[in-house]
């Protein structure tokens, strides 16, 4: 069978035989299941490392394309997943379907992945492996919870997004009843609404299931979000990657949700956390050479796409600030049509003050592509799509040279900014990022949002103005430091997230 054969092959190459034999007799076997996207794989991989550190046996389940990315990124360092077995299932997409088409990805997850997970659980037990006792799954994968329970596997749910995002999904039936949406998730009211004091105000047109593309994709997105409403019925414990002081209103509204964040794999941040691109080391010198509190760090996650005009406005806005900047530009960050001649000229103008890098997770620095004869922009402009080596060595957002963060406001990025006390310029793209922006700008007051013109474009003048205002606001800086201290206290011994994580481990091992 396809699932069993693939899983067996991957298990064979990534198992740590010494560690597994030592634990095989008694260690509870936990199957960890993220949604197949970078922002979901990373926190679930962080969690997996923590579970291994507590003596549990972890099988990490991802889709086949994600598995390939993870293995390519690890290159010859597969021992870095010590104690974690990496297995894969098909993603449910038809041959030729694009993995950038979120609607098709969602439809594949809903329609086929639960069956693949069921088969994997059965085959794992039939092969002589220890019985899977727990499915520790992304809340977005709630469609798989029932099949696990049917096989006698206990379920724990982890939301890699904010508690507010999870609470909103849990409240979808009530929101439909109250007339905010129809039964297909389409808005019936305008304006904003608030679920509870202290929670970010929401717009019906900016919900997590409002995605671009075909109507079928939007329906799949709503079905997936609606399915999260069942997690409290099917999971014995529901957790989220947040901390109590950050989202007091959400936790008061749903006190059964346990915050265990901010998550990290290990204190030294050396363990791989499921990044999709390979790593290498070469740019510490640049960051180390910058004055303290001077660098603008710019990163928009794994999904945001800018058209050429917006790309140029952002580039020229960074140039106008006169500040050093570290800008993450994915190979697929632009929608096409960006002039190579223009960008070559831009690079010449900012040489020595700006560093443009490829994929760069917040936890670790990655810099220039090390492939022979390749500049980052050859990838961005579409002439190269190979997985090139990208350098990494230390935390970006924890570096003393970093002054502020221009972000899409994904929850992983938001939590990394919070944990390091870095003020944020908010530039959300879709999904829960708008609610996260509201947390940053309106509730925590640790950042500022950008203003779009009538044509939808954020101008270079706006970029410059917001960065100057943010870096000069001592009140924002002080509030960011206070929230940082609360985040760190929560994960230290005796903190609320620390104690909640202990309770979670105790449940898994009882």
Protein backbone atom coordinates (compact mmCIF):
# COMPACT_ATOMS: atom_id res chain seq x y z
CA UNK A 1 0.00 0.00 0.00
CA UNK A 2 1.24 3.47 -0.84
CA UNK A 3 1.02 4.96 2.64
CA UNK A 4 2.56 1.98 4.41
CA UNK A 5 5.41 1.54 1.95
CA UNK A 6 6.30 5.21 2.00
CA UNK A 7 6.12 5.41 5.76
CA UNK A 8 8.27 2.34 6.20
CA UNK A 9 10.93 3.71 3.88
CA UNK A 10 11.10 7.05 5.66
CA UNK A 11 11.06 5.49 9.11
CA UNK A 12 13.99 3.29 8.11
CA UNK A 13 16.16 6.22 7.03
CA UNK A 14 15.32 8.60 9.86
CA UNK A 15 14.96 6.40 12.93
CA UNK A 16 17.52 6.69 15.68
CA UNK A 17 17.97 2.99 16.40
CA UNK A 18 19.77 3.44 19.71
CA UNK A 19 17.23 5.89 21.12
CA UNK A 20 14.27 3.92 19.84
CA UNK A 21 15.40 0.59 21.24
CA UNK A 22 15.91 2.21 24.61
CA UNK A 23 12.41 3.65 24.61
CA UNK A 24 10.56 0.90 22.75
CA UNK A 25 9.42 -0.90 25.85
CA UNK A 26 7.57 1.78 27.72
CA UNK A 27 7.62 5.20 26.05
CA UNK A 28 4.17 6.30 24.89
CA UNK A 29 3.93 6.51 21.10
CA UNK A 30 2.63 9.86 19.91
CA UNK A 31 1.71 10.65 16.32
CA UNK A 32 2.05 14.38 15.52
CA UNK A 33 0.04 15.73 12.59
CA UNK A 34 0.41 19.31 11.27
CA UNK A 35 -1.51 21.00 8.49
CA UNK A 36 0.76 20.95 5.38
CA UNK A 37 2.06 24.51 5.44
CA UNK A 38 5.23 26.13 6.80
CA UNK A 39 3.45 28.10 9.52
CA UNK A 40 1.90 24.89 10.86
CA UNK A 41 4.79 22.45 10.40
CA UNK A 42 7.22 24.64 12.37
CA UNK A 43 5.30 24.86 15.69
CA UNK A 44 4.35 21.17 15.56
CA UNK A 45 8.00 20.24 14.96
CA UNK A 46 9.00 22.46 17.88
CA UNK A 47 6.45 20.64 20.00
CA UNK A 48 7.77 17.26 18.80
CA UNK A 49 11.29 18.05 19.97
CA UNK A 50 9.94 19.01 23.38
CA UNK A 51 8.00 15.74 23.64
CA UNK A 52 11.09 13.72 22.74
CA UNK A 53 12.99 15.58 25.46
CA UNK A 54 10.34 14.33 27.90
CA UNK A 55 10.88 10.71 26.88
CA UNK A 56 8.01 10.23 24.42
CA UNK A 57 8.30 8.42 21.13
CA UNK A 58 7.24 10.72 18.28
CA UNK A 59 6.14 9.90 14.75
CA UNK A 60 5.82 13.13 12.74
CA UNK A 61 3.34 12.82 9.87
CA UNK A 62 3.51 15.16 6.89
CA UNK A 63 2.41 15.03 3.28
CA UNK A 64 4.79 13.71 0.65
CA UNK A 65 5.76 17.11 -0.86
CA UNK A 66 6.41 18.51 2.64
CA UNK A 67 8.53 15.48 3.51
CA UNK A 68 10.72 16.07 0.47
CA UNK A 69 11.24 19.71 1.42
CA UNK A 70 12.15 18.77 4.98
CA UNK A 71 14.61 16.10 3.90
CA UNK A 72 16.21 18.36 1.31
CA UNK A 73 16.56 21.11 3.91
CA UNK A 74 18.19 18.72 6.37
CA UNK A 75 20.61 17.53 3.68
CA UNK A 76 23.21 15.34 5.44
CA UNK A 77 22.10 16.33 8.93
CA UNK A 78 19.17 13.96 9.34
CA UNK A 79 20.43 12.96 12.80
CA UNK A 80 19.24 16.40 13.88
CA UNK A 81 15.76 14.84 14.07
CA UNK A 82 17.07 12.54 16.79
CA UNK A 83 14.13 10.72 18.32
CA UNK A 84 11.57 11.92 15.75
CA UNK A 85 10.45 9.54 13.02
CA UNK A 86 9.41 11.39 9.87
CA UNK A 87 6.71 9.63 7.84
CA UNK A 88 4.50 10.80 5.01
CA UNK A 89 1.07 10.36 3.49
CA UNK A 90 -0.21 11.55 0.09
CA UNK A 91 -1.58 15.10 0.06
CA UNK A 92 -4.74 14.29 -1.87
CA UNK A 93 -3.88 16.54 -4.83
CA UNK A 94 -4.23 15.30 -8.39
CA UNK A 95 -1.19 15.16 -10.65
CA UNK A 96 -0.55 18.63 -12.03
CA UNK A 97 -2.37 20.49 -9.24
CA UNK A 98 -0.37 23.39 -7.84
CA UNK A 99 0.63 23.31 -4.18
CA UNK A 100 0.33 27.11 -4.27
CA UNK A 101 -3.41 26.70 -4.92
CA UNK A 102 -4.64 26.85 -1.34
CA UNK A 103 -8.16 25.84 -2.34
CA UNK A 104 -6.95 22.57 -3.87
CA UNK A 105 -4.68 21.90 -0.90
CA UNK A 106 -7.62 22.37 1.48
CA UNK A 107 -9.89 20.15 -0.61
CA UNK A 108 -7.23 17.43 -0.61
CA UNK A 109 -6.83 17.63 3.15
CA UNK A 110 -10.56 17.39 3.77
CA UNK A 111 -11.37 14.75 1.20
CA UNK A 112 -8.48 12.30 1.40
CA UNK A 113 -6.00 12.88 4.20
CA UNK A 114 -8.25 11.44 6.98
CA UNK A 115 -8.33 8.13 5.13
CA UNK A 116 -4.57 8.15 4.69
CA UNK A 117 -4.05 8.87 8.39
CA UNK A 118 -6.39 6.03 9.34
CA UNK A 119 -4.46 3.65 7.10
CA UNK A 120 -1.14 4.83 8.52
CA UNK A 121 -2.28 4.20 12.10
CA UNK A 122 -3.47 0.70 11.18
CA UNK A 123 -0.32 -0.16 9.26
CA UNK A 124 1.96 1.21 11.98
CA UNK A 125 0.43 -1.15 14.51
CA UNK A 126 0.31 -4.09 12.07
CA UNK A 127 4.02 -3.69 11.30
CA UNK A 128 4.97 -4.46 14.88
CA UNK A 129 5.58 -0.87 15.95
CA UNK A 130 4.26 0.22 19.31
CA UNK A 131 0.59 1.07 19.17
CA UNK A 132 -0.10 4.75 18.54
CA UNK A 133 -1.59 5.93 21.81
CA UNK A 134 -2.07 9.61 21.02
CA UNK A 135 -2.73 11.73 17.97
CA UNK A 136 -1.35 15.20 18.76
CA UNK A 137 -2.78 17.15 15.88
CA UNK A 138 -3.07 20.63 14.50
CA UNK A 139 -6.54 21.98 15.21
CA UNK A 140 -6.82 22.65 11.47
CA UNK A 141 -6.63 18.87 10.98
CA UNK A 142 -9.79 18.27 13.05
CA UNK A 143 -11.11 16.28 10.07
CA UNK A 144 -8.76 13.47 11.21
CA UNK A 145 -9.78 13.39 14.87
CA UNK A 146 -12.73 11.00 14.53
CA UNK A 147 -10.83 8.39 12.54
CA UNK A 148 -8.19 8.32 15.29
CA UNK A 149 -10.77 7.91 18.02
CA UNK A 150 -12.46 5.12 16.06
CA UNK A 151 -9.18 3.20 16.29
CA UNK A 152 -8.84 3.76 20.02
CA UNK A 153 -6.26 6.52 19.67
CA UNK A 154 -6.64 9.41 22.09
CA UNK A 155 -6.58 12.93 20.64
CA UNK A 156 -4.89 16.14 21.76
CA UNK A 157 -5.36 19.31 19.72
CA UNK A 158 -2.77 22.06 19.23
CA UNK A 159 -3.67 25.36 17.60
CA UNK A 160 -0.56 26.96 16.03
CA UNK A 161 -2.48 30.23 15.69
CA UNK A 162 -3.74 32.64 18.34
CA UNK A 163 -6.31 31.70 20.94
CA UNK A 164 -8.52 34.37 19.37
CA UNK A 165 -8.36 32.55 16.04
CA UNK A 166 -9.29 29.26 17.69
CA UNK A 167 -12.10 30.84 19.71
CA UNK A 168 -13.50 32.43 16.55
CA UNK A 169 -13.65 29.04 14.82
CA UNK A 170 -15.29 27.50 17.87
CA UNK A 171 -17.91 30.27 17.71
CA UNK A 172 -18.79 29.85 14.01
CA UNK A 173 -22.12 28.08 14.71
CA UNK A 174 -23.11 30.92 17.05
CA UNK A 175 -21.99 33.57 14.56
CA UNK A 176 -24.18 31.95 11.91
CA UNK A 177 -27.09 31.84 14.36
CA UNK A 178 -26.60 35.51 15.21
CA UNK A 179 -26.73 36.51 11.55
CA UNK A 180 -23.11 37.49 10.89
CA UNK A 181 -22.69 34.79 8.21
CA UNK A 182 -24.83 32.43 6.19
CA UNK A 183 -24.33 28.68 6.46
CA UNK A 184 -21.63 28.80 3.79
CA UNK A 185 -19.59 31.46 5.56
CA UNK A 186 -20.55 34.43 3.39
CA UNK A 187 -20.92 37.71 5.32
CA UNK A 188 -24.43 38.98 6.06
CA UNK A 189 -23.32 42.05 8.03
CA UNK A 190 -20.82 44.84 7.51
CA UNK A 191 -18.56 46.64 9.94
CA UNK A 192 -16.69 44.95 12.79
CA UNK A 193 -17.66 42.77 15.72
CA UNK A 194 -15.92 41.70 18.92
CA UNK A 195 -16.36 38.33 20.62
CA UNK A 196 -15.22 39.60 24.01
CA UNK A 197 -13.45 42.60 25.57
CA UNK A 198 -9.73 42.36 25.02
CA UNK A 199 -10.09 40.33 21.83
CA UNK A 200 -9.27 41.84 18.44
CA UNK A 201 -12.22 43.29 16.50
CA UNK A 202 -13.06 41.25 13.40
CA UNK A 203 -14.43 42.12 9.98
CA UNK A 204 -16.74 39.56 8.34
CA UNK A 205 -14.81 40.04 5.09
CA UNK A 206 -11.45 39.21 6.71
CA UNK A 207 -12.13 35.81 8.25
CA UNK A 208 -9.69 32.92 7.94
CA UNK A 209 -11.76 31.23 5.24
CA UNK A 210 -11.86 34.27 2.93
CA UNK A 211 -9.28 33.18 0.38
CA UNK A 212 -8.80 34.24 -3.23
CA UNK A 213 -9.42 31.89 -6.11
CA UNK A 214 -12.19 29.53 -7.14
CA UNK A 215 -15.39 29.30 -5.10
CA UNK A 216 -14.68 25.63 -4.38
CA UNK A 217 -11.51 26.62 -2.55
CA UNK A 218 -13.36 29.10 -0.39
CA UNK A 219 -15.96 26.46 0.45
CA UNK A 220 -13.20 24.06 1.46
CA UNK A 221 -11.61 26.75 3.62
CA UNK A 222 -14.90 27.40 5.40
CA UNK A 223 -15.53 23.69 5.88
CA UNK A 224 -12.08 23.32 7.41
CA UNK A 225 -12.64 26.30 9.75
CA UNK A 226 -16.10 25.06 10.65
CA UNK A 227 -14.65 21.64 11.44
CA UNK A 228 -12.44 23.18 14.11
CA UNK A 229 -15.63 23.76 16.11
CA UNK A 230 -15.64 20.04 16.93
CA UNK A 231 -12.17 19.96 18.52
CA UNK A 232 -13.51 20.45 22.04
CA UNK A 233 -15.78 17.42 21.58
CA UNK A 234 -13.18 15.08 20.08
CA UNK A 235 -9.93 16.17 21.77
CA UNK A 236 -9.21 15.47 25.42
CA UNK A 237 -7.06 18.58 25.67
CA UNK A 238 -6.94 21.74 23.53
CA UNK A 239 -3.81 23.91 23.52
CA UNK A 240 -2.53 26.90 21.61
CA UNK A 241 0.78 28.54 20.84
CA UNK A 242 0.17 31.61 22.96
CA UNK A 243 0.46 32.78 26.56
CA UNK A 244 -2.14 34.00 29.00
CA UNK A 245 -1.01 37.61 29.32
CA UNK A 246 -1.15 38.12 25.55
CA UNK A 247 -4.78 37.03 25.14
CA UNK A 248 -6.54 37.39 28.46
CA UNK A 249 -9.93 38.02 26.82
CA UNK A 250 -9.82 34.89 24.67
CA UNK A 251 -8.78 32.65 27.56
CA UNK A 252 -11.51 34.07 29.78
CA UNK A 253 -14.07 33.37 27.06
CA UNK A 254 -12.80 29.80 26.58
CA UNK A 255 -10.97 28.79 29.79
CA UNK A 256 -10.54 25.19 28.63
CA UNK A 257 -7.96 26.27 26.04
CA UNK A 258 -4.49 25.84 27.53
CA UNK A 259 -1.72 28.22 26.41
CA UNK A 260 1.69 26.53 26.06
CA UNK A 261 3.55 29.24 24.17
CA UNK A 262 5.62 30.83 22.97
CA UNK A 263 6.91 27.45 21.73
CA UNK A 264 10.54 26.70 20.95
CA UNK A 265 12.33 23.44 20.22
CA UNK A 266 15.22 24.02 22.62
CA UNK A 267 16.72 26.91 24.54
CA UNK A 268 19.72 27.15 22.21
CA UNK A 269 17.52 27.12 19.07
CA UNK A 270 19.82 24.60 17.40
CA UNK A 271 17.32 21.87 16.59
CA UNK A 272 15.67 21.88 13.14
CA UNK A 273 12.08 23.09 13.29
CA UNK A 274 10.75 21.90 9.96
CA UNK A 275 11.94 24.62 7.62
CA UNK A 276 11.35 23.99 3.94
CA UNK A 277 14.69 25.27 2.61
CA UNK A 278 18.29 24.16 3.24
CA UNK A 279 20.64 25.97 5.57
CA UNK A 280 24.27 27.10 5.61
CA UNK A 281 26.14 29.86 7.47
CA UNK A 282 27.63 33.11 6.23
CA UNK A 283 26.00 36.37 7.26
CA UNK A 284 26.65 36.85 10.96
CA UNK A 285 29.40 39.29 10.09
CA UNK A 286 26.93 41.63 8.40
CA UNK A 287 24.48 41.74 11.32
CA UNK A 288 27.26 41.91 13.87
CA UNK A 289 28.76 44.88 12.05
CA UNK A 290 25.56 46.95 12.30
CA UNK A 291 24.99 49.42 15.16
CA UNK A 292 22.72 48.30 17.98
CA UNK A 293 19.04 49.00 17.32
CA UNK A 294 19.60 50.06 13.71
CA UNK A 295 18.44 47.26 11.38
CA UNK A 296 14.97 47.02 9.84
CA UNK A 297 14.11 43.34 9.46
CA UNK A 298 11.58 42.64 6.68
CA UNK A 299 9.91 39.24 6.19
CA UNK A 300 6.49 38.26 4.85
CA UNK A 301 6.26 34.52 5.52
CA UNK A 302 5.69 31.73 3.04
CA UNK A 303 2.46 32.79 1.25
CA UNK A 304 2.51 36.58 0.71
CA UNK A 305 2.93 37.68 -2.90
CA UNK A 306 3.60 41.26 -4.07
CA UNK A 307 3.07 42.54 -7.58
CA UNK A 308 6.07 44.33 -9.17
CA UNK A 309 4.79 47.81 -8.34
CA UNK A 310 4.33 47.03 -4.64
CA UNK A 311 7.70 45.33 -4.56
CA UNK A 312 9.38 48.47 -5.93
CA UNK A 313 7.54 50.74 -3.49
CA UNK A 314 8.68 48.63 -0.55
CA UNK A 315 12.26 48.50 -1.84
CA UNK A 316 12.45 52.24 -2.39
CA UNK A 317 10.77 52.92 0.95
CA UNK A 318 13.45 50.92 2.72
CA UNK A 319 16.08 52.86 0.80
CA UNK A 320 14.52 56.18 1.77
CA UNK A 321 14.86 55.42 5.49
CA UNK A 322 18.65 55.43 5.20
CA UNK A 323 18.70 52.59 7.73
CA UNK A 324 20.42 49.24 7.27
CA UNK A 325 17.88 46.58 6.40
CA UNK A 326 17.72 42.80 6.18
CA UNK A 327 15.01 41.86 3.69
CA UNK A 328 13.78 38.30 3.13
CA UNK A 329 12.71 37.77 -0.49
CA UNK A 330 11.42 34.29 -1.30
CA UNK A 331 11.96 32.98 -4.85
CA UNK A 332 8.18 33.28 -5.45
CA UNK A 333 7.63 36.57 -3.57
CA UNK A 334 6.64 38.55 -6.69
CA UNK A 335 3.86 37.73 -9.14
CA UNK A 336 6.16 38.22 -12.15
CA UNK A 337 7.24 41.10 -14.35
CA UNK A 338 9.82 42.64 -12.04
CA UNK A 339 12.55 44.34 -14.08
CA UNK A 340 15.98 42.80 -13.55
CA UNK A 341 17.63 46.02 -14.74
CA UNK A 342 15.70 48.03 -12.16
CA UNK A 343 16.60 45.63 -9.37
CA UNK A 344 20.26 45.47 -10.36
CA UNK A 345 20.37 49.27 -10.12
CA UNK A 346 18.57 49.18 -6.76
CA UNK A 347 21.07 46.68 -5.41
CA UNK A 348 23.94 48.94 -6.44
CA UNK A 349 22.38 51.91 -4.66
CA UNK A 350 21.85 50.05 -1.38
CA UNK A 351 25.09 48.04 -1.43
CA UNK A 352 26.66 48.18 1.99
CA UNK A 353 23.47 49.19 3.79
CA UNK A 354 20.88 46.64 2.66
CA UNK A 355 21.11 42.86 2.64
CA UNK A 356 18.58 40.91 0.56
CA UNK A 357 18.31 37.27 1.56
CA UNK A 358 16.29 34.23 0.59
CA UNK A 359 14.06 32.23 2.98
CA UNK A 360 14.77 33.30 6.54
CA UNK A 361 12.81 31.91 9.50
CA UNK A 362 12.66 34.22 12.48
CA UNK A 363 14.51 31.81 14.75
CA UNK A 364 17.65 31.68 12.66
CA UNK A 365 19.52 33.87 10.22
CA UNK A 366 19.85 32.76 6.63
CA UNK A 367 21.64 34.73 3.99
CA UNK A 368 22.84 34.64 0.44
CA UNK A 369 22.26 31.67 -1.81
CA UNK A 370 25.49 29.66 -2.02
CA UNK A 371 24.71 27.95 -5.32
CA UNK A 372 27.36 28.64 -7.94
CA UNK A 373 26.68 31.66 -10.16
CA UNK A 374 23.37 32.41 -8.41
CA UNK A 375 22.19 35.69 -6.98
CA UNK A 376 19.04 35.78 -4.90
CA UNK A 377 17.33 37.86 -7.54
CA UNK A 378 17.96 35.27 -10.26
CA UNK A 379 15.58 33.13 -8.23
CA UNK A 380 13.13 35.97 -7.58
CA UNK A 381 13.01 36.91 -11.25
CA UNK A 382 12.14 33.37 -12.18
CA UNK A 383 15.33 32.14 -13.84
CA UNK A 384 16.05 29.56 -11.15
CA UNK A 385 13.79 27.42 -9.00
CA UNK A 386 16.28 24.98 -7.51
CA UNK A 387 16.50 24.48 -3.76
CA UNK A 388 19.75 26.34 -3.14
CA UNK A 389 21.63 26.41 0.13
CA UNK A 390 20.68 29.37 2.31
CA UNK A 391 22.81 30.34 5.26
CA UNK A 392 21.79 30.20 8.91
CA UNK A 393 23.44 30.70 12.26
CA UNK A 394 21.64 32.67 14.94
CA UNK A 395 18.42 34.40 15.86
CA UNK A 396 17.46 37.41 13.77
CA UNK A 397 14.86 38.97 16.00
CA UNK A 398 16.98 38.43 19.12
CA UNK A 399 19.99 40.16 17.58
CA UNK A 400 20.77 43.49 19.28
CA UNK A 401 21.20 45.19 15.90
CA UNK A 402 17.51 44.68 15.00
CA UNK A 403 15.38 47.77 15.63
CA UNK A 404 12.02 46.68 14.24
CA UNK A 405 10.22 44.09 12.16
CA UNK A 406 8.13 44.63 9.00
CA UNK A 407 5.85 41.59 9.01
CA UNK A 408 2.82 39.93 7.42
CA UNK A 409 1.71 39.17 11.01
CA UNK A 410 1.53 35.41 10.78
CA UNK A 411 1.22 34.05 14.32
CA UNK A 412 4.68 32.42 14.34
CA UNK A 413 6.25 35.72 13.29
CA UNK A 414 4.10 37.63 15.76
CA UNK A 415 5.14 35.41 18.65
CA UNK A 416 8.82 35.62 17.68
CA UNK A 417 8.54 39.41 17.62
CA UNK A 418 6.79 39.39 20.99
CA UNK A 419 9.26 36.99 22.58
CA UNK A 420 12.14 39.25 21.56
CA UNK A 421 10.48 42.58 22.35
CA UNK A 422 10.69 43.86 18.77
CA UNK A 423 8.20 46.55 17.59
CA UNK A 424 6.34 45.56 14.41
CA UNK A 425 5.15 47.35 11.28
CA UNK A 426 2.06 45.31 10.33
CA UNK A 427 1.34 44.43 6.70
CA UNK A 428 -1.14 41.49 6.77
CA UNK A 429 -1.91 39.49 3.65
CA UNK A 430 -4.78 37.10 4.47
CA UNK A 431 -6.40 34.76 7.01
CA UNK A 432 -5.78 35.37 10.74
CA UNK A 433 -3.09 37.97 9.98
CA UNK A 434 -5.64 40.81 10.18
CA UNK A 435 -6.69 39.80 13.69
CA UNK A 436 -3.03 39.48 14.68
CA UNK A 437 -2.46 43.01 13.39
CA UNK A 438 -5.27 44.21 15.64
CA UNK A 439 -3.59 42.59 18.62
CA UNK A 440 -0.29 44.31 17.81
CA UNK A 441 -1.65 47.76 16.98
CA UNK A 442 -4.79 48.12 19.09
CA UNK A 443 -4.54 45.82 22.11
CA UNK A 444 -0.83 45.36 22.88
CA UNK A 445 0.08 48.66 21.17
CA UNK A 446 3.51 47.32 20.20
CA UNK A 447 3.37 48.26 16.53
CA UNK A 448 1.81 50.27 13.72
CA UNK A 449 -0.13 49.28 10.61
CA UNK A 450 0.56 50.49 7.08
CA UNK A 451 -2.02 52.55 5.20
CA UNK A 452 -2.92 51.50 1.68
CA UNK A 453 -3.73 54.11 -0.94
CA UNK A 454 -6.98 54.23 -2.90
CA UNK A 455 -5.33 51.97 -5.47
CA UNK A 456 -4.43 49.40 -2.79
CA UNK A 457 -0.71 50.18 -2.88
CA UNK A 458 1.45 51.06 0.12
CA UNK A 459 3.73 53.82 -1.16
CA UNK A 460 7.43 54.24 -0.45
CA UNK A 461 6.61 57.44 1.43
CA UNK A 462 4.24 55.48 3.69
CA UNK A 463 6.89 52.82 4.30
CA UNK A 464 9.43 55.47 5.27
CA UNK A 465 6.99 57.38 7.48
CA UNK A 466 5.81 54.32 9.42
CA UNK A 467 9.33 53.06 10.02
CA UNK A 468 10.48 56.47 11.26
CA UNK A 469 7.47 56.81 13.53
CA UNK A 470 7.83 53.28 14.92
CA UNK A 471 11.55 53.48 15.65
CA UNK A 472 11.11 56.86 17.33
CA UNK A 473 8.21 55.87 19.60
CA UNK A 474 9.57 55.12 23.08
CA UNK A 475 6.14 54.10 24.37
CA UNK A 476 5.84 51.34 21.78
CA UNK A 477 9.35 50.15 22.59
CA UNK A 478 8.61 50.01 26.30
CA UNK A 479 5.33 48.11 25.82
CA UNK A 480 7.13 45.63 23.53
CA UNK A 481 9.72 45.03 26.27
CA UNK A 482 7.01 44.52 28.89
CA UNK A 483 5.19 41.98 26.70
CA UNK A 484 8.52 40.26 26.01
CA UNK A 485 9.13 39.90 29.74
CA UNK A 486 5.64 38.44 30.24
CA UNK A 487 6.21 35.95 27.43
CA UNK A 488 9.52 34.80 28.86
CA UNK A 489 8.10 34.52 32.36
CA UNK A 490 5.28 32.31 31.08
CA UNK A 491 7.66 29.67 29.70
CA UNK A 492 10.12 29.74 32.58
CA UNK A 493 9.77 27.31 35.47
CA UNK A 494 6.63 28.17 37.42
CA UNK A 495 5.13 30.20 34.56
CA UNK A 496 1.62 29.49 33.27
CA UNK A 497 2.70 28.03 29.92
CA UNK A 498 5.44 26.00 31.61
CA UNK A 499 2.95 24.46 34.05
CA UNK A 500 0.39 23.82 31.29
CA UNK A 501 2.98 21.99 29.22
CA UNK A 502 3.86 19.84 32.23
CA UNK A 503 0.18 18.93 32.61
CA UNK A 504 0.07 18.01 28.92
CA UNK A 505 3.09 15.70 29.23
CA UNK A 506 1.61 14.13 32.35
CA UNK A 507 -1.59 13.39 30.40
CA UNK A 508 0.34 11.78 27.55
CA UNK A 509 2.32 9.57 29.91
CA UNK A 510 -0.40 8.56 32.38
